[in-house]
Amino acid sequence: MADLPVYIMDAFALMAYLNGEPAAQRVREILDDGEKGKCHNYMSVINLGEMLYNMERNYGLGRAQDALAVIQSLPIEVLPADDQTVFAAAHVKANHPVSYADAFVIVAAQKLDGIVMTGDPEFHDVTELAKVEWLKQRK
């Protein structure tokens, strides 16, 4: 039996899902597959924080708290930012034109041999570091 696919959710993916953006359908499919045991879904705690501060900044604290409750109910394992992960993300950030938060997505994808779920254009510059499934952008 083949190994199950592994997906690493970028903040972009969950923001799209929560806001009903064009990428929401594909993210929903992956989450449904995770619920059925057909794949494994992960997100770094750093990217969860990124998504939460964006939700609060754009929609208010109440909406961010609601978003957290939804995410905690989804089939997504939140990965801690241990020392080894922080050092690896710092190395990625030092050598590539990505945000520090995006470096954690890349490190998770490398560590778990996963596919990054994102529509963030920053990832175009680092496709040699991790596999990416490109999600639809907002119009």
Protein backbone atom coordinates (compact mmCIF):
# COMPACT_ATOMS: atom_id res chain seq x y z
CA MET A 1 0.00 0.00 0.00
CA ALA A 2 1.36 3.39 -0.99
CA ASP A 3 2.01 6.08 1.57
CA LEU A 4 -0.79 8.59 1.96
CA PRO A 5 -0.29 12.08 0.51
CA VAL A 6 0.85 14.74 2.95
CA TYR A 7 -0.35 18.33 2.62
CA ILE A 8 1.10 21.34 4.40
CA MET A 9 -1.41 24.17 4.71
CA ASP A 10 -0.09 27.67 4.24
CA ALA A 11 -2.03 30.53 5.85
CA PHE A 12 -3.22 31.38 2.32
CA ALA A 13 -5.04 28.04 2.06
CA LEU A 14 -6.93 28.37 5.33
CA MET A 15 -7.75 32.05 4.75
CA ALA A 16 -9.22 31.06 1.38
CA TYR A 17 -11.19 28.23 3.00
CA LEU A 18 -12.55 30.38 5.83
CA ASN A 19 -13.41 33.31 3.54
CA GLY A 20 -15.04 31.26 0.76
CA GLU A 21 -12.48 32.38 -1.81
CA PRO A 22 -11.90 30.58 -5.15
CA ALA A 23 -9.39 28.15 -3.58
CA ALA A 24 -11.86 27.09 -0.87
CA GLN A 25 -13.26 24.17 -2.89
CA ARG A 26 -9.86 22.54 -3.36
CA VAL A 27 -8.93 23.07 0.29
CA ARG A 28 -12.29 21.56 1.31
CA GLU A 29 -11.53 18.49 -0.85
CA ILE A 30 -8.20 17.98 0.90
CA LEU A 31 -9.78 18.44 4.32
CA ASP A 32 -12.52 15.94 3.42
CA ASP A 33 -9.85 13.47 2.30
CA GLY A 34 -8.08 13.99 5.63
CA GLU A 35 -11.32 13.27 7.47
CA LYS A 36 -11.66 10.02 5.47
CA GLY A 37 -8.07 8.98 6.21
CA LYS A 38 -6.98 9.43 2.58
CA CYS A 39 -4.25 11.99 3.36
CA HIS A 40 -2.48 13.72 6.24
CA ASN A 41 -2.83 17.48 6.72
CA TYR A 42 -0.44 19.66 8.71
CA MET A 43 0.13 23.31 9.52
CA SER A 44 2.90 24.99 11.47
CA VAL A 45 1.86 26.82 14.61
CA ILE A 46 3.70 29.82 13.12
CA ASN A 47 1.43 29.78 10.06
CA LEU A 48 -1.60 29.35 12.29
CA GLY A 49 -0.51 32.51 14.09
CA GLU A 50 -0.03 34.26 10.75
CA MET A 51 -3.55 33.33 9.68
CA LEU A 52 -4.99 34.47 13.03
CA TYR A 53 -3.32 37.88 13.02
CA ASN A 54 -4.53 38.43 9.44
CA MET A 55 -8.08 37.48 10.43
CA GLU A 56 -8.01 39.79 13.45
CA ARG A 57 -6.46 42.66 11.52
CA ASN A 58 -8.96 42.39 8.66
CA TYR A 59 -12.14 41.23 10.43
CA GLY A 60 -11.71 41.76 14.18
CA LEU A 61 -10.87 39.64 17.22
CA GLY A 62 -14.21 37.84 17.32
CA ARG A 63 -13.83 36.55 13.77
CA ALA A 64 -10.25 35.44 14.49
CA GLN A 65 -11.44 33.52 17.56
CA ASP A 66 -14.21 31.90 15.50
CA ALA A 67 -11.64 30.98 12.84
CA LEU A 68 -9.43 29.33 15.45
CA ALA A 69 -12.36 27.25 16.71
CA VAL A 70 -13.09 26.10 13.15
CA ILE A 71 -9.45 25.23 12.46
CA GLN A 72 -9.18 23.26 15.69
CA SER A 73 -12.11 21.14 14.51
CA LEU A 74 -10.52 20.34 11.14
CA PRO A 75 -8.36 17.30 10.33
CA ILE A 76 -5.14 19.33 10.50
CA GLU A 77 -2.29 18.54 12.87
CA VAL A 78 -0.61 21.71 14.10
CA LEU A 79 3.16 21.30 14.18
CA PRO A 80 5.16 22.92 17.00
CA ALA A 81 8.03 25.32 16.37
CA ASP A 82 10.78 23.45 18.19
CA ASP A 83 14.42 24.55 18.15
CA GLN A 84 15.37 22.37 15.17
CA THR A 85 12.45 23.72 13.13
CA VAL A 86 13.21 27.34 14.05
CA PHE A 87 16.87 26.95 13.05
CA ALA A 88 15.92 25.29 9.75
CA ALA A 89 13.37 28.03 9.00
CA ALA A 90 15.97 30.71 9.79
CA HIS A 91 18.33 29.05 7.29
CA VAL A 92 15.63 29.02 4.59
CA LYS A 93 14.77 32.67 5.28
CA ALA A 94 18.44 33.71 5.20
CA ASN A 95 18.94 32.18 1.77
CA HIS A 96 15.61 32.65 -0.05
CA PRO A 97 13.20 35.53 -0.74
CA VAL A 98 10.31 34.29 1.43
CA SER A 99 8.71 35.52 4.62
CA TYR A 100 9.80 33.98 7.89
CA ALA A 101 6.36 32.36 8.28
CA ASP A 102 6.60 30.86 4.79
CA ALA A 103 9.97 29.38 5.73
CA PHE A 104 8.14 27.25 8.32
CA VAL A 105 5.83 25.90 5.61
CA ILE A 106 8.85 24.96 3.51
CA VAL A 107 10.60 23.26 6.44
CA ALA A 108 7.46 21.26 7.26
CA ALA A 109 7.11 20.18 3.63
CA GLN A 110 10.75 19.09 3.53
CA LYS A 111 10.57 17.24 6.85
CA LEU A 112 7.33 15.41 6.02
CA ASP A 113 7.85 15.11 2.25
CA GLY A 114 4.64 17.06 1.86
CA ILE A 115 2.97 19.26 -0.71
CA VAL A 116 2.52 22.93 0.18
CA MET A 117 -1.04 24.15 -0.40
CA THR A 118 -0.81 27.83 -1.31
CA GLY A 119 -1.54 30.56 -3.79
CA ASP A 120 1.10 32.87 -2.31
CA PRO A 121 3.32 34.12 -5.17
CA GLU A 122 6.39 34.11 -2.88
CA PHE A 123 6.53 30.35 -3.34
CA HIS A 124 7.32 30.73 -7.07
CA ASP A 125 10.90 31.50 -6.02
CA VAL A 126 11.34 28.37 -3.90
CA THR A 127 9.77 25.53 -5.88
CA GLU A 128 13.15 23.77 -5.80
CA LEU A 129 12.81 23.52 -2.00
CA ALA A 130 9.33 22.01 -1.74
CA LYS A 131 6.50 20.66 -3.87
CA VAL A 132 3.66 23.15 -4.28
CA GLU A 133 0.04 22.74 -5.27
CA TRP A 134 -1.04 26.13 -6.56
CA LEU A 135 -4.42 27.30 -5.36
CA LYS A 136 -6.63 29.77 -7.19
CA GLN A 137 -6.13 33.44 -6.44
CA ARG A 138 -8.89 35.88 -5.59
CA LYS A 139 -10.09 37.79 -8.64
